[in-house]
Amino acid sequence: MTTETPMQRGGTGELRTDLAPLTSRFELLEGAESATWMSGRMGDDSVPGPSTYWIDAIVTLPEADYQGLLDDYKAIETTTPPTVESPLDEQLPDGQYLASPELDTAFSKDTFRSTVHLSADGRTLILRSVFQ
């Protein structure tokens, strides 16, 4: 019997607010009004080979964009709250969250694998993505 250890997330811990790195990677965020996010590399820096990167983001959308995601990707209430790295987790909105497999798929293009939640506040999207 073996026990797998999850890959460690590395990074500077810096909270960023620039939108361009997010909107260039996720076309559904092109209309975002603001974001707070962080990123880094997975695994051990001493191991050679292709790298896997991660992004966690809390994004404020225009109400129309939020509603479009809600309608197009069938997001429904979930009991599974979003997970993001600290200190970003301190900025998660309180309240109910919405999610769906279709919403995750919409943000999982090419080598990106994403988990997406919408806050029931009507404007906030929470993204957790890994990619090569």
N, C-alpha and C. Protein backbone atom coordinates (compact mmCIF):
# COMPACT_ATOMS: atom_id res chain seq x y z
N MET A 1 0.84 -1.17 0.00
CA MET A 1 0.00 0.00 0.00
C MET A 1 0.89 1.24 0.00
N THR A 2 0.57 2.18 -0.88
CA THR A 2 1.34 3.42 -0.95
C THR A 2 0.44 4.60 -0.64
N THR A 3 1.06 5.63 -0.14
CA THR A 3 0.33 6.86 0.13
C THR A 3 0.91 7.94 -0.75
N GLU A 4 0.07 8.57 -1.56
CA GLU A 4 0.53 9.65 -2.42
C GLU A 4 0.56 10.95 -1.64
N THR A 5 1.62 11.71 -1.84
CA THR A 5 1.73 13.02 -1.24
C THR A 5 1.36 14.05 -2.29
N PRO A 6 0.42 14.95 -2.00
CA PRO A 6 0.06 15.96 -3.00
C PRO A 6 1.27 16.83 -3.33
N MET A 7 1.34 17.28 -4.57
CA MET A 7 2.43 18.11 -5.02
C MET A 7 2.39 19.45 -4.29
N GLN A 8 3.53 19.86 -3.77
CA GLN A 8 3.63 21.11 -3.04
C GLN A 8 3.53 22.30 -3.98
N ARG A 9 2.82 23.33 -3.54
CA ARG A 9 2.68 24.56 -4.31
C ARG A 9 3.72 25.55 -3.82
N GLY A 10 4.55 26.01 -4.74
CA GLY A 10 5.53 27.04 -4.40
C GLY A 10 5.10 28.37 -4.98
N GLY A 11 5.70 29.42 -4.48
CA GLY A 11 5.38 30.76 -4.97
C GLY A 11 5.88 31.79 -4.00
N THR A 12 5.76 33.04 -4.36
CA THR A 12 6.27 34.12 -3.52
C THR A 12 5.29 34.51 -2.42
N GLY A 13 4.02 34.15 -2.56
CA GLY A 13 3.01 34.58 -1.62
C GLY A 13 2.51 35.98 -1.90
N GLU A 14 3.00 36.57 -3.00
CA GLU A 14 2.62 37.94 -3.38
C GLU A 14 1.20 37.95 -3.92
N LEU A 15 0.38 38.86 -3.42
CA LEU A 15 -0.95 39.08 -3.97
C LEU A 15 -0.83 40.09 -5.09
N ARG A 16 -1.40 39.75 -6.24
CA ARG A 16 -1.33 40.61 -7.41
C ARG A 16 -2.72 41.11 -7.76
N THR A 17 -2.76 42.26 -8.47
CA THR A 17 -4.05 42.82 -8.88
C THR A 17 -4.08 43.16 -10.37
N ASP A 18 -3.00 42.88 -11.09
CA ASP A 18 -2.99 43.16 -12.53
C ASP A 18 -3.87 42.15 -13.25
N LEU A 19 -4.65 42.62 -14.20
CA LEU A 19 -5.61 41.77 -14.89
C LEU A 19 -5.04 41.05 -16.12
N ALA A 20 -4.07 41.64 -16.79
CA ALA A 20 -3.60 41.10 -18.07
C ALA A 20 -3.17 39.64 -18.02
N PRO A 21 -2.42 39.18 -17.01
CA PRO A 21 -2.05 37.77 -16.99
C PRO A 21 -3.25 36.82 -16.88
N LEU A 22 -4.31 37.27 -16.25
CA LEU A 22 -5.52 36.44 -16.14
C LEU A 22 -6.33 36.49 -17.43
N THR A 23 -6.58 37.69 -17.93
CA THR A 23 -7.43 37.82 -19.12
C THR A 23 -6.75 37.23 -20.36
N SER A 24 -5.43 37.20 -20.39
CA SER A 24 -4.75 36.59 -21.54
C SER A 24 -4.83 35.07 -21.50
N ARG A 25 -4.99 34.50 -20.33
CA ARG A 25 -5.07 33.04 -20.20
C ARG A 25 -6.51 32.53 -20.20
N PHE A 26 -7.44 33.35 -19.73
CA PHE A 26 -8.84 32.92 -19.58
C PHE A 26 -9.74 33.93 -20.30
N GLU A 27 -10.12 33.61 -21.52
CA GLU A 27 -10.90 34.57 -22.32
C GLU A 27 -12.23 34.93 -21.68
N LEU A 28 -12.79 34.06 -20.86
CA LEU A 28 -14.06 34.37 -20.20
C LEU A 28 -13.91 35.44 -19.12
N LEU A 29 -12.67 35.83 -18.81
CA LEU A 29 -12.44 36.90 -17.83
C LEU A 29 -12.11 38.23 -18.48
N GLU A 30 -12.23 38.33 -19.81
CA GLU A 30 -11.84 39.55 -20.52
C GLU A 30 -12.53 40.81 -20.00
N GLY A 31 -13.75 40.70 -19.50
CA GLY A 31 -14.47 41.87 -19.02
C GLY A 31 -14.29 42.14 -17.53
N ALA A 32 -13.40 41.40 -16.88
CA ALA A 32 -13.22 41.53 -15.43
C ALA A 32 -12.95 42.97 -15.02
N GLU A 33 -13.55 43.38 -13.92
CA GLU A 33 -13.36 44.73 -13.40
C GLU A 33 -12.14 44.80 -12.49
N SER A 34 -11.92 43.74 -11.71
CA SER A 34 -10.77 43.71 -10.81
C SER A 34 -10.49 42.26 -10.42
N ALA A 35 -9.30 42.03 -9.87
CA ALA A 35 -8.94 40.69 -9.41
C ALA A 35 -7.84 40.80 -8.37
N THR A 36 -7.84 39.86 -7.49
CA THR A 36 -6.72 39.64 -6.58
C THR A 36 -6.33 38.19 -6.78
N TRP A 37 -5.04 37.96 -7.03
CA TRP A 37 -4.63 36.61 -7.37
C TRP A 37 -3.18 36.36 -6.97
N MET A 38 -2.81 35.08 -7.02
CA MET A 38 -1.44 34.68 -6.77
C MET A 38 -1.15 33.46 -7.61
N SER A 39 0.14 33.19 -7.80
CA SER A 39 0.53 32.07 -8.64
C SER A 39 1.87 31.52 -8.18
N GLY A 40 2.25 30.41 -8.78
CA GLY A 40 3.53 29.80 -8.47
C GLY A 40 3.73 28.53 -9.28
N ARG A 41 4.70 27.77 -8.84
CA ARG A 41 5.07 26.53 -9.51
C ARG A 41 4.82 25.35 -8.57
N MET A 42 4.41 24.24 -9.13
CA MET A 42 4.16 23.03 -8.35
C MET A 42 5.45 22.23 -8.24
N GLY A 43 5.60 21.56 -7.11
CA GLY A 43 6.68 20.60 -6.96
C GLY A 43 7.99 21.19 -6.48
N ASP A 44 9.03 20.39 -6.66
CA ASP A 44 10.37 20.67 -6.17
C ASP A 44 11.17 21.39 -7.25
N ASP A 45 11.69 22.57 -6.93
CA ASP A 45 12.47 23.36 -7.89
C ASP A 45 13.73 22.65 -8.37
N SER A 46 14.22 21.68 -7.61
CA SER A 46 15.46 21.00 -7.98
C SER A 46 15.24 19.86 -8.99
N VAL A 47 14.00 19.54 -9.26
CA VAL A 47 13.70 18.45 -10.21
C VAL A 47 13.59 19.02 -11.61
N PRO A 48 14.39 18.48 -12.56
CA PRO A 48 14.31 18.99 -13.94
C PRO A 48 13.06 18.51 -14.65
N GLY A 49 12.79 19.13 -15.78
CA GLY A 49 11.66 18.70 -16.59
C GLY A 49 10.62 19.78 -16.73
N PRO A 50 9.55 19.45 -17.42
CA PRO A 50 8.49 20.44 -17.60
C PRO A 50 7.90 20.82 -16.24
N SER A 51 7.51 22.05 -16.12
CA SER A 51 6.94 22.54 -14.86
C SER A 51 5.43 22.65 -14.96
N THR A 52 4.81 22.47 -13.83
CA THR A 52 3.38 22.69 -13.69
C THR A 52 3.22 23.93 -12.83
N TYR A 53 2.36 24.84 -13.29
CA TYR A 53 2.14 26.11 -12.60
C TYR A 53 0.71 26.16 -12.07
N TRP A 54 0.47 27.06 -11.15
CA TRP A 54 -0.87 27.23 -10.58
C TRP A 54 -1.22 28.72 -10.49
N ILE A 55 -2.52 28.98 -10.55
CA ILE A 55 -3.08 30.31 -10.33
C ILE A 55 -4.32 30.15 -9.47
N ASP A 56 -4.42 30.95 -8.43
CA ASP A 56 -5.65 31.08 -7.64
C ASP A 56 -6.07 32.54 -7.75
N ALA A 57 -7.35 32.79 -8.03
CA ALA A 57 -7.79 34.17 -8.25
C ALA A 57 -9.20 34.38 -7.72
N ILE A 58 -9.43 35.58 -7.22
CA ILE A 58 -10.76 36.06 -6.87
C ILE A 58 -11.03 37.25 -7.78
N VAL A 59 -12.03 37.12 -8.64
CA VAL A 59 -12.25 38.08 -9.72
C VAL A 59 -13.63 38.72 -9.57
N THR A 60 -13.68 40.05 -9.72
CA THR A 60 -14.95 40.76 -9.74
C THR A 60 -15.35 41.00 -11.18
N LEU A 61 -16.54 40.54 -11.53
CA LEU A 61 -17.06 40.63 -12.89
C LEU A 61 -18.20 41.65 -12.96
N PRO A 62 -18.45 42.21 -14.14
CA PRO A 62 -19.68 42.98 -14.31
C PRO A 62 -20.87 42.04 -14.10
N GLU A 63 -21.96 42.56 -13.61
CA GLU A 63 -23.12 41.72 -13.33
C GLU A 63 -23.57 40.93 -14.55
N ALA A 64 -23.52 41.53 -15.73
CA ALA A 64 -23.95 40.84 -16.96
C ALA A 64 -23.04 39.65 -17.28
N ASP A 65 -21.74 39.81 -17.08
CA ASP A 65 -20.80 38.70 -17.33
C ASP A 65 -21.04 37.57 -16.34
N TYR A 66 -21.23 37.93 -15.08
CA TYR A 66 -21.53 36.93 -14.04
C TYR A 66 -22.80 36.17 -14.41
N GLN A 67 -23.84 36.91 -14.77
CA GLN A 67 -25.12 36.27 -15.11
C GLN A 67 -24.97 35.38 -16.34
N GLY A 68 -24.17 35.80 -17.30
CA GLY A 68 -23.92 34.98 -18.48
C GLY A 68 -23.27 33.65 -18.13
N LEU A 69 -22.28 33.68 -17.23
CA LEU A 69 -21.64 32.43 -16.79
C LEU A 69 -22.64 31.55 -16.05
N LEU A 70 -23.43 32.15 -15.21
CA LEU A 70 -24.44 31.42 -14.46
C LEU A 70 -25.42 30.73 -15.40
N ASP A 71 -25.90 31.45 -16.39
CA ASP A 71 -26.88 30.91 -17.33
C ASP A 71 -26.25 29.88 -18.28
N ASP A 72 -25.08 30.20 -18.84
CA ASP A 72 -24.46 29.35 -19.86
C ASP A 72 -23.91 28.05 -19.31
N TYR A 73 -23.46 28.05 -18.06
CA TYR A 73 -22.76 26.89 -17.53
C TYR A 73 -23.48 26.22 -16.36
N LYS A 74 -24.76 26.51 -16.21
CA LYS A 74 -25.65 25.78 -15.30
C LYS A 74 -25.13 25.65 -13.87
N ALA A 75 -24.51 26.71 -13.35
CA ALA A 75 -24.00 26.67 -11.99
C ALA A 75 -25.16 26.61 -10.99
N ILE A 76 -25.01 25.72 -10.02
CA ILE A 76 -26.02 25.54 -8.97
C ILE A 76 -25.34 25.60 -7.61
N GLU A 77 -26.13 25.72 -6.55
CA GLU A 77 -25.57 25.78 -5.20
C GLU A 77 -24.74 24.54 -4.92
N THR A 78 -23.62 24.75 -4.22
CA THR A 78 -22.75 23.65 -3.85
C THR A 78 -22.42 23.76 -2.37
N THR A 79 -22.19 22.61 -1.75
CA THR A 79 -21.77 22.60 -0.34
C THR A 79 -20.25 22.54 -0.24
N THR A 80 -19.57 22.45 -1.38
CA THR A 80 -18.11 22.42 -1.40
C THR A 80 -17.58 23.84 -1.63
N PRO A 81 -17.00 24.45 -0.60
CA PRO A 81 -16.51 25.82 -0.77
C PRO A 81 -15.24 25.85 -1.61
N PRO A 82 -14.93 26.99 -2.20
CA PRO A 82 -13.68 27.11 -2.95
C PRO A 82 -12.48 27.04 -2.03
N THR A 83 -11.36 26.59 -2.60
CA THR A 83 -10.10 26.54 -1.87
C THR A 83 -9.10 27.37 -2.64
N VAL A 84 -8.43 28.29 -1.96
CA VAL A 84 -7.35 29.07 -2.54
C VAL A 84 -6.24 29.18 -1.50
N GLU A 85 -5.05 29.47 -1.97
CA GLU A 85 -3.89 29.58 -1.09
C GLU A 85 -4.01 30.78 -0.15
N SER A 86 -3.33 30.68 0.99
CA SER A 86 -3.22 31.79 1.92
C SER A 86 -2.13 32.73 1.41
N PRO A 87 -2.28 34.01 1.50
CA PRO A 87 -3.27 34.81 2.21
C PRO A 87 -4.49 35.17 1.38
N LEU A 88 -4.60 34.67 0.15
CA LEU A 88 -5.76 34.99 -0.69
C LEU A 88 -7.06 34.50 -0.05
N ASP A 89 -6.98 33.40 0.68
CA ASP A 89 -8.18 32.82 1.29
C ASP A 89 -8.89 33.79 2.23
N GLU A 90 -8.16 34.76 2.77
CA GLU A 90 -8.77 35.75 3.66
C GLU A 90 -9.73 36.67 2.91
N GLN A 91 -9.65 36.70 1.58
CA GLN A 91 -10.49 37.58 0.78
C GLN A 91 -11.69 36.87 0.14
N LEU A 92 -11.86 35.60 0.44
CA LEU A 92 -13.04 34.89 -0.08
C LEU A 92 -14.31 35.51 0.48
N PRO A 93 -15.30 35.74 -0.39
CA PRO A 93 -16.56 36.30 0.11
C PRO A 93 -17.31 35.29 0.97
N ASP A 94 -18.03 35.81 1.94
CA ASP A 94 -18.89 34.97 2.78
C ASP A 94 -20.13 34.59 2.00
N GLY A 95 -20.77 33.53 2.43
CA GLY A 95 -22.05 33.16 1.83
C GLY A 95 -21.99 31.91 1.01
N GLN A 96 -23.03 31.70 0.25
CA GLN A 96 -23.21 30.51 -0.58
C GLN A 96 -22.39 30.60 -1.86
N TYR A 97 -22.00 29.43 -2.40
CA TYR A 97 -21.27 29.36 -3.66
C TYR A 97 -22.03 28.49 -4.66
N LEU A 98 -21.77 28.77 -5.94
CA LEU A 98 -22.37 28.04 -7.04
C LEU A 98 -21.23 27.42 -7.85
N ALA A 99 -21.49 26.25 -8.44
CA ALA A 99 -20.47 25.58 -9.25
C ALA A 99 -21.14 24.61 -10.20
N SER A 100 -20.38 24.14 -11.19
CA SER A 100 -20.87 23.09 -12.09
C SER A 100 -19.69 22.51 -12.85
N PRO A 101 -19.80 21.27 -13.28
CA PRO A 101 -18.75 20.69 -14.13
C PRO A 101 -18.58 21.48 -15.43
N GLU A 102 -19.67 22.01 -15.97
CA GLU A 102 -19.60 22.78 -17.21
C GLU A 102 -18.79 24.06 -17.02
N LEU A 103 -18.92 24.69 -15.87
CA LEU A 103 -18.16 25.91 -15.56
C LEU A 103 -16.67 25.57 -15.45
N ASP A 104 -16.34 24.48 -14.78
CA ASP A 104 -14.94 24.05 -14.70
C ASP A 104 -14.37 23.79 -16.08
N THR A 105 -15.13 23.12 -16.93
CA THR A 105 -14.69 22.80 -18.29
C THR A 105 -14.46 24.06 -19.11
N ALA A 106 -15.30 25.06 -18.93
CA ALA A 106 -15.17 26.31 -19.70
C ALA A 106 -13.85 27.01 -19.41
N PHE A 107 -13.29 26.81 -18.23
CA PHE A 107 -12.02 27.42 -17.85
C PHE A 107 -10.85 26.43 -17.94
N SER A 108 -11.08 25.26 -18.54
CA SER A 108 -10.06 24.22 -18.63
C SER A 108 -9.70 23.93 -20.08
N LYS A 109 -9.13 24.91 -20.74
CA LYS A 109 -8.73 24.76 -22.14
C LYS A 109 -7.27 24.33 -22.23
N ASP A 110 -6.92 23.63 -23.30
CA ASP A 110 -5.54 23.21 -23.57
C ASP A 110 -4.98 22.45 -22.36
N THR A 111 -3.90 22.94 -21.76
CA THR A 111 -3.30 22.24 -20.61
C THR A 111 -3.82 22.73 -19.27
N PHE A 112 -4.78 23.64 -19.27
CA PHE A 112 -5.34 24.19 -18.03
C PHE A 112 -6.40 23.25 -17.47
N ARG A 113 -6.33 23.02 -16.17
CA ARG A 113 -7.36 22.26 -15.45
C ARG A 113 -7.82 23.16 -14.31
N SER A 114 -9.08 23.55 -14.35
CA SER A 114 -9.57 24.57 -13.42
C SER A 114 -10.78 24.11 -12.64
N THR A 115 -10.89 24.67 -11.45
CA THR A 115 -12.08 24.56 -10.62
C THR A 115 -12.58 25.98 -10.40
N VAL A 116 -13.86 26.20 -10.68
CA VAL A 116 -14.42 27.55 -10.62
C VAL A 116 -15.66 27.54 -9.73
N HIS A 117 -15.75 28.56 -8.89
CA HIS A 117 -16.93 28.81 -8.08
C HIS A 117 -17.41 30.23 -8.37
N LEU A 118 -18.70 30.41 -8.31
CA LEU A 118 -19.30 31.75 -8.33
C LEU A 118 -19.85 32.00 -6.94
N SER A 119 -19.57 33.17 -6.41
CA SER A 119 -20.17 33.55 -5.14
C SER A 119 -21.61 33.96 -5.42
N ALA A 120 -22.49 33.63 -4.52
CA ALA A 120 -23.90 34.00 -4.70
C ALA A 120 -24.12 35.51 -4.60
N ASP A 121 -23.04 36.29 -4.41
CA ASP A 121 -23.17 37.75 -4.34
C ASP A 121 -23.48 38.39 -5.69
N GLY A 122 -23.39 37.60 -6.78
CA GLY A 122 -23.77 38.10 -8.10
C GLY A 122 -22.67 38.77 -8.89
N ARG A 123 -21.41 38.74 -8.40
CA ARG A 123 -20.32 39.41 -9.13
C ARG A 123 -18.97 38.72 -9.01
N THR A 124 -18.78 37.80 -8.08
CA THR A 124 -17.46 37.27 -7.78
C THR A 124 -17.27 35.85 -8.29
N LEU A 125 -16.14 35.66 -8.97
CA LEU A 125 -15.72 34.35 -9.47
C LEU A 125 -14.44 33.97 -8.76
N ILE A 126 -14.36 32.71 -8.32
CA ILE A 126 -13.16 32.19 -7.67
C ILE A 126 -12.60 31.09 -8.56
N LEU A 127 -11.34 31.25 -8.94
CA LEU A 127 -10.68 30.35 -9.89
C LEU A 127 -9.48 29.69 -9.24
N ARG A 128 -9.34 28.39 -9.44
CA ARG A 128 -8.15 27.64 -9.03
C ARG A 128 -7.75 26.81 -10.23
N SER A 129 -6.55 27.07 -10.78
CA SER A 129 -6.16 26.44 -12.02
C SER A 129 -4.71 25.95 -11.96
N VAL A 130 -4.44 24.82 -12.60
CA VAL A 130 -3.08 24.32 -12.78
C VAL A 130 -2.87 24.11 -14.27
N PHE A 131 -1.62 24.29 -14.73
CA PHE A 131 -1.32 24.17 -16.15
C PHE A 131 0.16 23.99 -16.37
N GLN A 132 0.53 23.52 -17.57
CA GLN A 132 1.94 23.39 -17.96
C GLN A 132 2.28 24.42 -18.98
